N, C-alpha and C. Protein backbone atom coordinates (compact mmCIF):
# COMPACT_ATOMS: atom_id res chain seq x y z
N UNK A 1 57.44 -8.12 -69.77
CA UNK A 1 57.83 -8.52 -68.42
C UNK A 1 56.61 -9.01 -67.63
N UNK A 2 55.54 -8.20 -67.64
CA UNK A 2 54.33 -8.57 -66.90
C UNK A 2 53.69 -9.81 -67.52
N UNK A 3 53.72 -9.89 -68.86
CA UNK A 3 53.17 -11.06 -69.54
C UNK A 3 53.91 -12.33 -69.16
N UNK A 4 55.24 -12.27 -69.08
CA UNK A 4 56.04 -13.44 -68.68
C UNK A 4 55.73 -13.85 -67.25
N UNK A 5 55.58 -12.86 -66.39
CA UNK A 5 55.26 -13.14 -64.99
C UNK A 5 53.89 -13.81 -64.88
N UNK A 6 52.93 -13.36 -65.66
CA UNK A 6 51.60 -13.96 -65.64
C UNK A 6 51.64 -15.41 -66.14
N UNK A 7 52.46 -15.68 -67.15
CA UNK A 7 52.60 -17.05 -67.66
C UNK A 7 53.20 -17.96 -66.58
N UNK A 8 54.21 -17.49 -65.87
CA UNK A 8 54.84 -18.27 -64.81
C UNK A 8 53.84 -18.53 -63.68
N UNK A 9 53.10 -17.52 -63.28
CA UNK A 9 52.10 -17.69 -62.22
C UNK A 9 51.03 -18.67 -62.66
N UNK A 10 50.55 -18.55 -63.88
CA UNK A 10 49.54 -19.48 -64.39
C UNK A 10 50.07 -20.91 -64.40
N UNK A 11 51.34 -21.11 -64.77
CA UNK A 11 51.96 -22.43 -64.77
C UNK A 11 51.91 -23.05 -63.39
N UNK A 12 52.31 -22.29 -62.37
CA UNK A 12 52.33 -22.82 -61.02
C UNK A 12 50.94 -23.08 -60.47
N UNK A 13 49.97 -22.26 -60.84
CA UNK A 13 48.60 -22.47 -60.38
C UNK A 13 47.99 -23.70 -61.06
N UNK A 14 48.19 -23.84 -62.37
CA UNK A 14 47.56 -24.94 -63.10
C UNK A 14 48.25 -26.28 -62.88
N UNK A 15 49.57 -26.33 -63.00
CA UNK A 15 50.29 -27.59 -62.94
C UNK A 15 50.71 -28.00 -61.52
N UNK A 16 50.77 -27.07 -60.60
CA UNK A 16 51.19 -27.36 -59.22
C UNK A 16 52.40 -28.29 -59.21
N UNK A 17 53.55 -27.84 -59.71
CA UNK A 17 54.70 -28.72 -59.86
C UNK A 17 55.30 -29.22 -58.55
N UNK A 18 54.93 -28.64 -57.42
CA UNK A 18 55.47 -29.07 -56.14
C UNK A 18 54.48 -29.90 -55.33
N UNK A 19 53.30 -30.18 -55.88
CA UNK A 19 52.28 -30.96 -55.17
C UNK A 19 52.82 -32.37 -54.92
N UNK A 20 52.71 -32.86 -53.68
CA UNK A 20 53.29 -34.16 -53.34
C UNK A 20 52.25 -35.22 -53.01
N UNK A 21 50.97 -34.93 -53.21
CA UNK A 21 49.96 -35.96 -52.99
C UNK A 21 48.79 -35.75 -53.96
N UNK A 22 48.00 -36.82 -54.17
CA UNK A 22 46.90 -36.72 -55.15
C UNK A 22 45.82 -35.74 -54.72
N UNK A 23 45.03 -35.35 -55.69
CA UNK A 23 43.87 -34.50 -55.42
C UNK A 23 42.78 -35.33 -54.74
N UNK A 24 42.06 -34.73 -53.82
CA UNK A 24 40.93 -35.41 -53.20
C UNK A 24 39.77 -35.41 -54.18
N UNK A 25 39.04 -36.52 -54.24
CA UNK A 25 37.87 -36.53 -55.12
C UNK A 25 36.73 -35.73 -54.51
N UNK A 26 35.85 -35.24 -55.35
CA UNK A 26 34.62 -34.59 -54.91
C UNK A 26 33.50 -35.61 -55.11
N UNK A 27 32.86 -36.02 -54.02
CA UNK A 27 31.80 -37.02 -54.07
C UNK A 27 30.53 -36.40 -53.49
N UNK A 28 29.45 -36.48 -54.25
CA UNK A 28 28.18 -35.89 -53.81
C UNK A 28 27.02 -36.82 -54.14
N UNK A 29 26.00 -36.77 -53.30
CA UNK A 29 24.74 -37.43 -53.57
C UNK A 29 23.63 -36.45 -53.18
N UNK A 30 22.71 -36.20 -54.09
CA UNK A 30 21.62 -35.24 -53.86
C UNK A 30 22.13 -33.88 -53.39
N UNK A 31 23.26 -33.45 -53.93
CA UNK A 31 23.82 -32.15 -53.59
C UNK A 31 24.56 -32.11 -52.26
N UNK A 32 24.66 -33.23 -51.56
CA UNK A 32 25.34 -33.29 -50.26
C UNK A 32 26.70 -33.97 -50.43
N UNK A 33 27.74 -33.34 -49.90
CA UNK A 33 29.09 -33.88 -50.00
C UNK A 33 29.23 -35.14 -49.15
N UNK A 34 29.92 -36.12 -49.70
CA UNK A 34 30.22 -37.36 -48.99
C UNK A 34 31.71 -37.35 -48.70
N UNK A 35 32.12 -37.53 -47.43
CA UNK A 35 33.56 -37.53 -47.12
C UNK A 35 34.26 -38.75 -47.70
N UNK A 36 35.53 -38.60 -47.99
CA UNK A 36 36.34 -39.70 -48.52
C UNK A 36 37.54 -39.93 -47.62
N UNK A 37 38.20 -41.07 -47.80
CA UNK A 37 39.40 -41.43 -47.04
C UNK A 37 40.50 -41.75 -48.04
N UNK A 38 41.68 -41.18 -47.84
CA UNK A 38 42.82 -41.41 -48.74
C UNK A 38 43.42 -42.78 -48.47
N UNK A 39 43.59 -43.57 -49.50
CA UNK A 39 44.26 -44.85 -49.40
C UNK A 39 45.70 -44.74 -49.85
N UNK A 40 46.34 -45.87 -50.08
CA UNK A 40 47.72 -45.88 -50.57
C UNK A 40 47.77 -45.25 -51.95
N UNK A 41 48.90 -44.63 -52.27
CA UNK A 41 49.01 -43.98 -53.58
C UNK A 41 50.47 -43.80 -53.96
N UNK A 42 50.68 -43.63 -55.25
CA UNK A 42 51.95 -43.15 -55.79
C UNK A 42 51.62 -41.90 -56.58
N UNK A 43 52.45 -40.89 -56.45
CA UNK A 43 52.17 -39.59 -57.08
C UNK A 43 53.46 -39.01 -57.59
N UNK A 44 53.41 -38.48 -58.79
CA UNK A 44 54.59 -37.78 -59.30
C UNK A 44 54.15 -36.45 -59.88
N UNK A 45 54.97 -35.46 -59.65
CA UNK A 45 54.74 -34.14 -60.22
C UNK A 45 56.01 -33.75 -60.96
N UNK A 46 56.04 -32.56 -61.44
CA UNK A 46 57.17 -32.13 -62.26
C UNK A 46 58.51 -32.23 -61.51
N UNK A 47 58.51 -31.89 -60.21
CA UNK A 47 59.76 -31.83 -59.46
C UNK A 47 59.90 -32.89 -58.36
N UNK A 48 58.89 -33.73 -58.17
CA UNK A 48 58.99 -34.72 -57.10
C UNK A 48 58.10 -35.92 -57.39
N UNK A 49 58.35 -36.99 -56.64
CA UNK A 49 57.52 -38.20 -56.73
C UNK A 49 57.57 -38.89 -55.39
N UNK A 50 56.48 -39.55 -55.03
CA UNK A 50 56.48 -40.30 -53.78
C UNK A 50 55.37 -41.32 -53.80
N UNK A 51 55.55 -42.36 -53.00
CA UNK A 51 54.51 -43.36 -52.76
C UNK A 51 54.23 -43.37 -51.27
N UNK A 52 52.97 -43.51 -50.92
CA UNK A 52 52.58 -43.60 -49.52
C UNK A 52 51.75 -44.86 -49.35
N UNK A 53 52.14 -45.70 -48.42
CA UNK A 53 51.43 -46.95 -48.17
C UNK A 53 50.64 -46.80 -46.88
N UNK A 54 49.34 -46.70 -47.01
CA UNK A 54 48.48 -46.59 -45.85
C UNK A 54 48.25 -48.01 -45.31
N UNK A 55 48.40 -48.18 -44.03
CA UNK A 55 48.31 -49.51 -43.44
C UNK A 55 46.85 -49.80 -43.06
N UNK A 56 46.15 -50.48 -43.94
CA UNK A 56 44.77 -50.89 -43.69
C UNK A 56 44.63 -52.36 -44.03
N UNK A 57 43.83 -53.06 -43.24
CA UNK A 57 43.56 -54.47 -43.51
C UNK A 57 42.73 -54.59 -44.79
N UNK A 58 41.72 -53.74 -44.90
CA UNK A 58 40.84 -53.73 -46.07
C UNK A 58 40.13 -52.39 -46.11
N UNK A 59 39.26 -52.20 -47.09
CA UNK A 59 38.56 -50.92 -47.24
C UNK A 59 37.63 -50.63 -46.07
N UNK A 60 37.05 -51.65 -45.47
CA UNK A 60 36.18 -51.43 -44.32
C UNK A 60 36.98 -50.88 -43.14
N UNK A 61 38.16 -51.45 -42.88
CA UNK A 61 39.03 -50.96 -41.81
C UNK A 61 39.46 -49.52 -42.09
N UNK A 62 39.68 -49.22 -43.37
CA UNK A 62 40.13 -47.88 -43.78
C UNK A 62 39.11 -46.81 -43.39
N UNK A 63 37.84 -47.15 -43.39
CA UNK A 63 36.79 -46.17 -43.14
C UNK A 63 36.14 -46.30 -41.76
N UNK A 64 36.73 -47.06 -40.87
CA UNK A 64 36.07 -47.32 -39.59
C UNK A 64 35.83 -46.07 -38.75
N UNK A 65 36.59 -45.01 -38.95
CA UNK A 65 36.38 -43.77 -38.20
C UNK A 65 35.42 -42.81 -38.91
N UNK A 66 34.96 -43.19 -40.09
CA UNK A 66 34.04 -42.34 -40.85
C UNK A 66 32.60 -42.71 -40.54
N UNK A 67 31.73 -41.70 -40.56
CA UNK A 67 30.31 -41.94 -40.38
C UNK A 67 29.72 -42.39 -41.72
N UNK A 68 29.01 -43.52 -41.76
CA UNK A 68 28.45 -43.99 -43.03
C UNK A 68 27.42 -43.02 -43.60
N UNK A 69 27.37 -42.96 -44.90
CA UNK A 69 26.36 -42.16 -45.59
C UNK A 69 25.40 -43.14 -46.25
N UNK A 70 24.14 -43.05 -45.89
CA UNK A 70 23.14 -43.97 -46.42
C UNK A 70 22.46 -43.31 -47.62
N UNK A 71 22.43 -44.03 -48.73
CA UNK A 71 21.78 -43.55 -49.94
C UNK A 71 20.81 -44.62 -50.42
N UNK A 72 19.77 -44.20 -51.11
CA UNK A 72 18.83 -45.17 -51.65
C UNK A 72 19.40 -45.75 -52.94
N UNK A 73 18.94 -46.95 -53.33
CA UNK A 73 19.47 -47.59 -54.54
C UNK A 73 19.28 -46.74 -55.80
N UNK A 74 18.30 -45.87 -55.83
CA UNK A 74 18.06 -45.06 -57.03
C UNK A 74 18.88 -43.77 -57.06
N UNK A 75 19.53 -43.42 -55.94
CA UNK A 75 20.34 -42.20 -55.90
C UNK A 75 21.57 -42.33 -56.79
N UNK A 76 21.90 -41.27 -57.46
CA UNK A 76 23.12 -41.23 -58.27
C UNK A 76 24.22 -40.55 -57.47
N UNK A 77 25.34 -41.22 -57.37
CA UNK A 77 26.49 -40.66 -56.67
C UNK A 77 27.40 -40.05 -57.72
N UNK A 78 27.72 -38.78 -57.55
CA UNK A 78 28.56 -38.05 -58.50
C UNK A 78 29.99 -37.98 -57.97
N UNK A 79 30.92 -38.40 -58.79
CA UNK A 79 32.33 -38.43 -58.44
C UNK A 79 33.09 -37.58 -59.46
N UNK A 80 33.87 -36.63 -58.96
CA UNK A 80 34.66 -35.80 -59.87
C UNK A 80 36.00 -35.48 -59.22
N UNK A 81 36.96 -35.11 -60.07
CA UNK A 81 38.31 -34.78 -59.62
C UNK A 81 38.72 -33.46 -60.25
N UNK A 82 39.59 -32.74 -59.55
CA UNK A 82 40.17 -31.54 -60.14
C UNK A 82 41.06 -31.92 -61.32
N UNK A 83 41.72 -33.05 -61.22
CA UNK A 83 42.54 -33.60 -62.30
C UNK A 83 42.18 -35.08 -62.47
N UNK A 84 42.14 -35.57 -63.69
CA UNK A 84 41.78 -36.95 -63.97
C UNK A 84 42.86 -37.90 -63.43
N UNK A 85 42.48 -38.89 -62.61
CA UNK A 85 43.47 -39.84 -62.09
C UNK A 85 43.82 -40.89 -63.15
N UNK A 86 45.00 -41.50 -63.02
CA UNK A 86 45.40 -42.57 -63.92
C UNK A 86 44.59 -43.84 -63.66
N UNK A 87 44.25 -44.06 -62.39
CA UNK A 87 43.45 -45.24 -62.04
C UNK A 87 42.59 -44.90 -60.82
N UNK A 88 41.58 -45.73 -60.60
CA UNK A 88 40.64 -45.48 -59.51
C UNK A 88 40.07 -46.81 -59.07
N UNK A 89 39.97 -47.03 -57.76
CA UNK A 89 39.35 -48.23 -57.23
C UNK A 89 38.22 -47.82 -56.31
N UNK A 90 37.05 -48.37 -56.53
CA UNK A 90 35.89 -48.10 -55.69
C UNK A 90 35.44 -49.43 -55.09
N UNK A 91 35.24 -49.45 -53.77
CA UNK A 91 34.79 -50.65 -53.08
C UNK A 91 33.47 -50.34 -52.41
N UNK A 92 32.47 -51.17 -52.67
CA UNK A 92 31.15 -51.00 -52.06
C UNK A 92 30.94 -52.13 -51.06
N UNK A 93 30.60 -51.76 -49.83
CA UNK A 93 30.37 -52.75 -48.78
C UNK A 93 28.89 -52.85 -48.49
N UNK A 94 28.37 -54.10 -48.51
CA UNK A 94 26.98 -54.36 -48.13
C UNK A 94 26.88 -54.75 -46.66
N UNK A 95 27.93 -55.29 -46.12
CA UNK A 95 27.98 -55.70 -44.71
C UNK A 95 29.44 -55.77 -44.31
N UNK A 96 29.69 -56.24 -43.12
CA UNK A 96 31.08 -56.32 -42.66
C UNK A 96 31.88 -57.41 -43.36
N UNK A 97 31.21 -58.30 -44.08
CA UNK A 97 31.92 -59.40 -44.70
C UNK A 97 31.77 -59.44 -46.22
N UNK A 98 30.90 -58.63 -46.79
CA UNK A 98 30.64 -58.70 -48.22
C UNK A 98 31.00 -57.39 -48.91
N UNK A 99 31.79 -57.48 -49.94
CA UNK A 99 32.15 -56.28 -50.70
C UNK A 99 32.25 -56.63 -52.16
N UNK A 100 32.24 -55.59 -53.00
CA UNK A 100 32.47 -55.79 -54.43
C UNK A 100 33.14 -54.54 -55.00
């Protein structure tokens, strides 16, 4: 009985079948956390699925309320997730008009 209960609890902790949005990425440079902004996404879990369309003109508009983090060209930015995403888009802005 206790073993079955532990298996059920472990299932809910690991798989999070009721989670309705993606995991936030962990982004760090030189041991300092860099904040992120959630964009549009589609997410499905065991018991639910949803898509959310964030209304942004572009990635620069998406982050206009965030304070920029300045890093040197030699700094390594570490990106990790609690769960591996199916896809990922990263946009780097050099100015208000140039991105890649």
